[in-house]
Protein backbone atom coordinates (compact mmCIF):
# COMPACT_ATOMS: atom_id res chain seq x y z
CA UNK A 1 -9.17 -0.80 0.29
CA UNK A 2 -6.98 -0.46 -2.80
CA UNK A 3 -5.36 2.78 -3.67
CA UNK A 4 -6.27 2.35 -7.29
CA UNK A 5 -9.10 -0.22 -7.52
CA UNK A 6 -9.77 0.28 -11.26
CA UNK A 7 -7.01 -1.85 -12.65
CA UNK A 8 -8.90 -4.11 -15.10
CA UNK A 9 -6.06 -6.40 -16.36
CA UNK A 10 -3.06 -6.47 -13.78
CA UNK A 11 -1.02 -8.97 -15.72
CA UNK A 12 -1.14 -6.86 -18.83
CA UNK A 13 -0.30 -3.71 -16.92
CA UNK A 14 2.71 -5.42 -15.23
CA UNK A 15 3.97 -6.49 -18.60
CA UNK A 16 3.58 -2.98 -19.98
CA UNK A 17 5.14 -1.27 -16.98
CA UNK A 18 8.11 -3.67 -16.84
CA UNK A 19 8.66 -3.06 -20.57
CA UNK A 20 8.68 0.69 -19.91
CA UNK A 21 11.23 0.26 -17.10
CA UNK A 22 13.49 -1.77 -19.35
CA UNK A 23 13.65 1.29 -21.64
CA UNK A 24 13.97 3.73 -18.86
CA UNK A 25 14.97 2.41 -15.47
CA UNK A 26 14.64 5.87 -13.98
CA UNK A 27 10.93 6.31 -14.66
CA UNK A 28 9.50 7.01 -11.24
CA UNK A 29 5.91 7.14 -12.58
CA UNK A 30 6.22 3.56 -14.00
CA UNK A 31 7.55 2.25 -10.60
CA UNK A 32 4.64 4.00 -8.96
CA UNK A 33 2.07 2.60 -11.24
CA UNK A 34 3.63 -0.84 -10.86
CA UNK A 35 3.40 -0.51 -7.12
CA UNK A 36 -0.38 0.23 -7.57
CA UNK A 37 -0.91 -2.82 -9.65
CA UNK A 38 0.85 -5.05 -7.12
CA UNK A 39 -1.16 -3.56 -4.28
CA UNK A 40 -4.28 -4.16 -6.34
CA UNK A 41 -3.50 -7.87 -6.54
CA UNK A 42 -2.40 -8.00 -2.87
CA UNK A 43 1.29 -8.41 -3.44
CA UNK A 44 2.38 -5.99 -0.73
CA UNK A 45 6.06 -6.82 -0.82
CA UNK A 46 6.46 -5.97 -4.50
CA UNK A 47 4.13 -2.99 -4.08
CA UNK A 48 6.31 -1.62 -1.34
CA UNK A 49 9.56 -2.29 -3.23
CA UNK A 50 8.31 -0.51 -6.36
CA UNK A 51 6.93 2.42 -4.41
CA UNK A 52 10.13 2.91 -2.56
CA UNK A 53 11.92 3.09 -5.86
CA UNK A 54 9.42 5.71 -7.11
CA UNK A 55 10.00 7.76 -4.00
CA UNK A 56 13.76 7.38 -4.35
CA UNK A 57 13.68 8.61 -7.94
CA UNK A 58 11.23 11.45 -7.18
CA UNK A 59 11.37 12.31 -3.40
CA UNK A 60 9.19 15.36 -3.65
CA UNK A 61 6.19 13.65 -5.26
CA UNK A 62 3.53 13.76 -2.57
CA UNK A 63 1.39 11.09 -4.28
CA UNK A 64 4.29 8.59 -4.15
CA UNK A 65 4.95 9.51 -0.56
CA UNK A 66 1.29 9.15 0.44
CA UNK A 67 1.07 5.76 -1.22
CA UNK A 68 4.26 4.58 0.59
CA UNK A 69 2.72 5.49 3.92
CA UNK A 70 -0.49 3.78 2.92
CA UNK A 71 1.38 0.59 2.14
CA UNK A 72 3.70 0.47 5.05
CA UNK A 73 1.84 1.76 8.09
CA UNK A 74 1.53 -1.05 10.57
CA UNK A 75 4.05 -3.20 8.68
CA UNK A 76 7.22 -1.05 8.47
CA UNK A 77 6.41 1.95 10.68
CA UNK A 78 9.85 3.45 10.31
CA UNK A 79 9.35 3.80 6.54
CA UNK A 80 5.84 4.93 6.92
CA UNK A 81 6.54 7.62 9.44
CA UNK A 82 9.66 8.90 7.51
CA UNK A 83 7.51 9.06 4.33
CA UNK A 84 4.77 10.73 6.29
CA UNK A 85 7.12 13.35 7.67
CA UNK A 86 8.30 14.18 4.15
CA UNK A 87 4.75 14.32 2.93
CA UNK A 88 3.75 16.70 5.63
CA UNK A 89 6.81 18.86 5.06
CA UNK A 90 5.65 19.20 1.39
CA UNK A 91 2.46 20.91 2.73
CA UNK A 92 -0.34 18.56 1.57
CA UNK A 93 -3.84 19.71 0.74
CA UNK A 94 -5.97 18.03 3.23
CA UNK A 95 -9.02 18.14 0.95
CA UNK A 96 -7.13 16.18 -1.66
CA UNK A 97 -8.64 12.74 -2.40
CA UNK A 98 -5.40 10.82 -1.75
CA UNK A 99 -4.58 12.99 1.45
CA UNK A 100 -8.06 12.14 2.70
CA UNK A 101 -7.56 8.39 2.17
CA UNK A 102 -4.15 8.68 3.83
CA UNK A 103 -5.54 10.37 6.85
CA UNK A 104 -8.40 7.79 7.09
CA UNK A 105 -5.72 5.00 7.01
CA UNK A 106 -3.74 6.68 9.72
CA UNK A 107 -6.57 7.14 12.20
CA UNK A 108 -5.89 3.93 13.95
CA UNK A 109 -4.97 5.11 17.45
CA UNK A 110 -1.89 5.54 19.52
CA UNK A 111 1.04 3.26 19.04
CA UNK A 112 4.22 3.14 21.00
CA UNK A 113 6.30 3.69 17.79
CA UNK A 114 4.17 6.65 16.69
CA UNK A 115 4.39 8.35 20.11
CA UNK A 116 8.20 7.92 20.26
CA UNK A 117 8.52 9.11 16.60
CA UNK A 118 6.45 12.27 17.27
CA UNK A 119 8.54 12.94 20.45
CA UNK A 120 11.67 12.64 18.36
CA UNK A 121 10.29 15.10 15.75
CA UNK A 122 9.63 17.55 18.55
CA UNK A 123 13.09 17.12 19.96
CA UNK A 124 14.45 17.93 16.42
CA UNK A 125 12.40 21.09 16.28
CA UNK A 126 9.85 19.87 13.92
CA UNK A 127 6.89 20.93 15.92
CA UNK A 128 4.62 21.78 12.98
CA UNK A 129 5.12 18.26 11.48
CA UNK A 130 4.67 16.68 14.83
CA UNK A 131 1.37 18.60 15.43
CA UNK A 132 -0.02 17.68 12.03
CA UNK A 133 1.00 14.05 12.45
CA UNK A 134 -0.62 13.89 15.85
CA UNK A 135 -3.81 15.33 14.62
CA UNK A 136 -4.02 12.90 11.65
CA UNK A 137 -3.30 9.82 13.62
CA UNK A 138 -5.29 10.40 16.79
CA UNK A 139 -7.91 12.87 15.64
CA UNK A 140 -8.69 12.24 12.02
């Protein structure tokens, strides 16, 4: 399931976006779009790298955070859960298309990492985030 499955010419998009980044290496949106293209052609490593850069440049962009969770859950759980925490802290609209897709992706059942991460959130006083995360992961 691609995040954006309507990329018609990935090679051309990669060229366009890399050119844009040469002009402006701080263009978070170009990094995000490049991550989408790489995810579309199943190059997960490059997708994750570019999405991380987009989040680094614009850490309050919920779309970038959601996509980073989508890309990393089950592969790099620390990154995924850190991004998910930030995403939840931003107060997402659960009826939003991308949030719905993210919740669907998260609904995979209990994991040892997830259980410990949520316990750590509670120990840090982030009960609201822990409760939302628990609901999304185990009761989507």
